[in-house]
Amino acid sequence: MIVRPPEVVFVNLANILLDKKQLIGENCNIYERVEQRDLYGVRVSVLFFLYWLIIQNLCCSAHAFPSENSMLKINKLDNNKEVTVKVGDAINIELERFGGTGYDWHIDKPSGECLELISERTDTVVTDKAIVGAPVTKEWELRAIKRGDTEVVLHLYRAWEGKEKAIDLFKIRVKIL
């Protein structure tokens, strides 16, 4: 089976209609020509509509059928909460800290082997002015790889002082189905 792009199909159909109109020629009386011209306009309108429908379907098919895996966004407001995800889903944790203080968020290895750390990233929060000590966002992406229950724990501390002197704690319980 040959699959052609919609543009080629549309051009071919339009050419067929034009050939039929030319075949009618001068052998018809004026009323038949008017009827044929009206039918030609209807056919072209229908073809344009079908063409538009095909293009809309091709362009929007990704939205009609979302992917199976999803991403759950988590922030400071979700502290001490329980979340439920499916195997293959991603969890994006985003926490703020103040730059220039030396404090940074550090993630503990999740208990069990249900989650894997995919990425860890630090971004400066965009403000009108460049300010020393402006907020900085740290982001982690975790992926659920196995069914089970686990906990994700993050501590805010200075690297040279250690976890024992953490000034903040972020914790979520994750249930993976």
Protein backbone atom coordinates (compact mmCIF):
# COMPACT_ATOMS: atom_id res chain seq x y z
CA MET A 1 0.00 0.00 0.00
CA ILE A 2 1.40 3.40 -0.97
CA VAL A 3 0.96 6.10 1.63
CA ARG A 4 1.00 9.62 0.21
CA PRO A 5 1.07 12.89 2.09
CA PRO A 6 -2.31 14.69 2.27
CA GLU A 7 -1.01 17.47 -0.01
CA VAL A 8 -0.39 15.01 -2.87
CA VAL A 9 -3.83 13.42 -2.43
CA PHE A 10 -5.49 16.84 -2.41
CA VAL A 11 -3.68 18.02 -5.57
CA ASN A 12 -4.55 14.76 -7.37
CA LEU A 13 -8.24 15.05 -6.44
CA ALA A 14 -8.35 18.70 -7.49
CA ASN A 15 -6.78 17.81 -10.87
CA ILE A 16 -9.36 15.06 -11.43
CA LEU A 17 -12.17 17.53 -10.77
CA LEU A 18 -10.63 20.08 -13.15
CA ASP A 19 -10.33 17.41 -15.88
CA LYS A 20 -14.04 16.52 -15.47
CA LYS A 21 -14.98 20.18 -15.82
CA GLN A 22 -12.94 20.46 -19.00
CA LEU A 23 -14.61 17.29 -20.38
CA ILE A 24 -18.03 18.95 -20.08
CA GLY A 25 -16.82 21.62 -22.52
CA GLU A 26 -19.06 23.42 -24.95
CA ASN A 27 -21.48 20.51 -25.57
CA CYS A 28 -23.70 21.52 -22.66
CA ASN A 29 -26.28 24.26 -22.66
CA ILE A 30 -25.99 27.24 -20.29
CA TYR A 31 -28.14 25.69 -17.51
CA GLU A 32 -26.12 22.47 -17.40
CA ARG A 33 -22.89 24.49 -17.19
CA VAL A 34 -24.25 26.49 -14.23
CA GLU A 35 -25.25 23.26 -12.47
CA GLN A 36 -21.85 21.72 -13.17
CA ARG A 37 -20.07 24.85 -11.89
CA ASP A 38 -22.15 24.75 -8.70
CA LEU A 39 -21.36 21.06 -8.21
CA TYR A 40 -17.69 21.81 -8.85
CA GLY A 41 -17.74 24.48 -6.10
CA VAL A 42 -19.37 22.05 -3.68
CA ARG A 43 -16.82 19.37 -4.49
CA VAL A 44 -13.92 21.76 -3.99
CA SER A 45 -15.43 22.96 -0.68
CA VAL A 46 -15.80 19.38 0.50
CA LEU A 47 -12.22 18.62 -0.54
CA PHE A 48 -10.90 21.66 1.31
CA PHE A 49 -12.84 20.59 4.42
CA LEU A 50 -11.50 17.03 4.21
CA TYR A 51 -7.98 18.34 3.68
CA TRP A 52 -8.33 20.61 6.72
CA LEU A 53 -9.71 17.71 8.76
CA ILE A 54 -6.76 15.47 7.81
CA ILE A 55 -4.22 18.16 8.69
CA GLN A 56 -5.94 18.86 12.03
CA ASN A 57 -5.91 15.15 12.83
CA LEU A 58 -2.22 14.81 11.98
CA CYS A 59 -1.22 17.91 13.94
CA CYS A 60 -3.28 17.19 17.01
CA SER A 61 -2.87 13.43 17.28
CA ALA A 62 -0.21 13.80 19.99
CA HIS A 63 -2.73 15.61 22.20
CA ALA A 64 -5.49 13.11 21.49
CA PHE A 65 -3.34 10.19 22.60
CA PRO A 66 -1.07 11.28 25.48
CA SER A 67 1.89 9.11 26.38
CA GLU A 68 1.43 6.47 29.05
CA ASN A 69 4.11 7.88 31.35
CA SER A 70 3.53 11.18 33.07
CA MET A 71 5.49 13.62 35.21
CA LEU A 72 4.40 14.63 38.70
CA LYS A 73 5.64 18.07 39.79
CA ILE A 74 6.37 18.49 43.49
CA ASN A 75 7.41 21.60 45.43
CA LYS A 76 7.87 22.78 49.03
CA LEU A 77 4.09 22.79 49.61
CA ASP A 78 4.07 18.99 49.19
CA ASN A 79 6.37 18.42 52.19
CA ASN A 80 5.37 15.37 54.30
CA LYS A 81 2.73 14.26 51.79
CA GLU A 82 2.18 10.92 50.11
CA VAL A 83 2.08 10.71 46.32
CA THR A 84 1.09 7.82 44.08
CA VAL A 85 2.66 7.14 40.68
CA LYS A 86 2.87 4.27 38.21
CA VAL A 87 5.99 2.41 37.14
CA GLY A 88 7.64 4.47 34.40
CA ASP A 89 6.28 7.81 35.67
CA ALA A 90 8.65 10.64 36.52
CA ILE A 91 8.67 12.76 39.65
CA ASN A 92 10.06 16.28 39.42
CA ILE A 93 10.97 17.85 42.78
CA GLU A 94 11.72 21.58 42.78
CA LEU A 95 12.96 23.38 45.91
CA GLU A 96 14.29 26.89 46.45
CA ARG A 97 17.28 28.02 48.46
CA PHE A 98 19.08 31.33 48.81
CA GLY A 99 22.27 31.68 46.81
CA GLY A 100 25.44 32.89 48.45
CA THR A 101 24.63 31.42 51.87
CA GLY A 102 26.39 28.12 51.31
CA TYR A 103 23.23 26.15 52.03
CA ASP A 104 22.17 23.62 49.44
CA TRP A 105 19.61 20.86 49.18
CA HIS A 106 21.07 17.34 49.27
CA ILE A 107 19.04 14.27 48.40
CA ASP A 108 19.32 11.03 50.36
CA LYS A 109 19.25 7.85 48.33
CA PRO A 110 15.58 6.76 48.26
CA SER A 111 14.91 3.74 50.45
CA GLY A 112 14.47 0.55 48.44
CA GLU A 113 15.22 0.39 44.74
CA CYS A 114 11.90 1.67 43.45
CA LEU A 115 13.12 5.08 42.26
CA GLU A 116 16.17 6.09 40.28
CA LEU A 117 17.64 9.57 40.08
CA ILE A 118 17.58 10.70 36.44
CA SER A 119 18.90 14.24 36.76
CA GLU A 120 19.80 16.99 39.22
CA ARG A 121 19.89 20.63 38.13
CA THR A 122 20.35 24.09 39.68
CA ASP A 123 18.80 27.23 38.15
CA THR A 124 18.91 30.84 39.24
CA VAL A 125 15.46 32.31 39.71
CA VAL A 126 15.02 35.10 37.18
CA THR A 127 14.47 38.51 38.79
CA ASP A 128 14.47 42.09 37.55
CA LYS A 129 17.89 42.76 39.08
CA ALA A 130 20.95 40.61 39.57
CA ILE A 131 21.05 40.36 43.36
CA VAL A 132 23.70 38.54 45.35
CA GLY A 133 21.99 35.87 47.41
CA ALA A 134 18.92 35.78 45.11
CA PRO A 135 16.80 32.63 45.23
CA VAL A 136 18.12 29.56 43.44
CA THR A 137 15.99 26.62 42.37
CA LYS A 138 17.29 23.08 42.61
CA GLU A 139 15.48 20.39 40.67
CA TRP A 140 15.60 16.59 40.75
CA GLU A 141 13.98 14.19 38.34
CA LEU A 142 13.29 10.69 39.61
CA ARG A 143 11.75 7.80 37.70
CA ALA A 144 9.65 5.00 39.20
CA ILE A 145 11.28 1.75 38.09
CA LYS A 146 9.66 -0.83 40.35
CA ARG A 147 6.44 -1.26 42.32
CA GLY A 148 6.59 -0.57 46.01
CA ASP A 149 6.68 2.13 48.68
CA THR A 150 9.61 4.43 49.30
CA GLU A 151 10.49 7.77 50.80
CA VAL A 152 12.43 10.67 49.30
CA VAL A 153 14.28 12.81 51.84
CA LEU A 154 16.17 16.05 51.16
CA HIS A 155 18.17 18.08 53.68
CA LEU A 156 19.18 21.75 53.44
CA TYR A 157 22.69 22.17 54.85
CA ARG A 158 26.16 23.49 54.12
CA ALA A 159 28.37 20.82 52.63
CA TRP A 160 31.22 21.53 55.07
CA GLU A 161 28.92 21.30 58.12
CA GLY A 162 27.21 18.03 57.18
CA LYS A 163 23.70 16.64 57.37
CA GLU A 164 23.66 16.77 61.17
CA LYS A 165 23.44 20.59 61.02
CA ALA A 166 20.65 20.73 58.41
CA ILE A 167 18.34 23.73 58.80
CA ASP A 168 15.45 22.29 56.78
CA LEU A 169 14.05 18.91 55.81
CA PHE A 170 11.82 17.94 52.89
CA LYS A 171 10.21 14.51 52.79
CA ILE A 172 7.63 12.77 50.60
CA ARG A 173 6.33 9.23 50.69
CA VAL A 174 5.98 7.64 47.25
CA LYS A 175 3.68 4.74 46.47
CA ILE A 176 4.45 3.12 43.10
CA LEU A 177 1.75 1.01 41.47
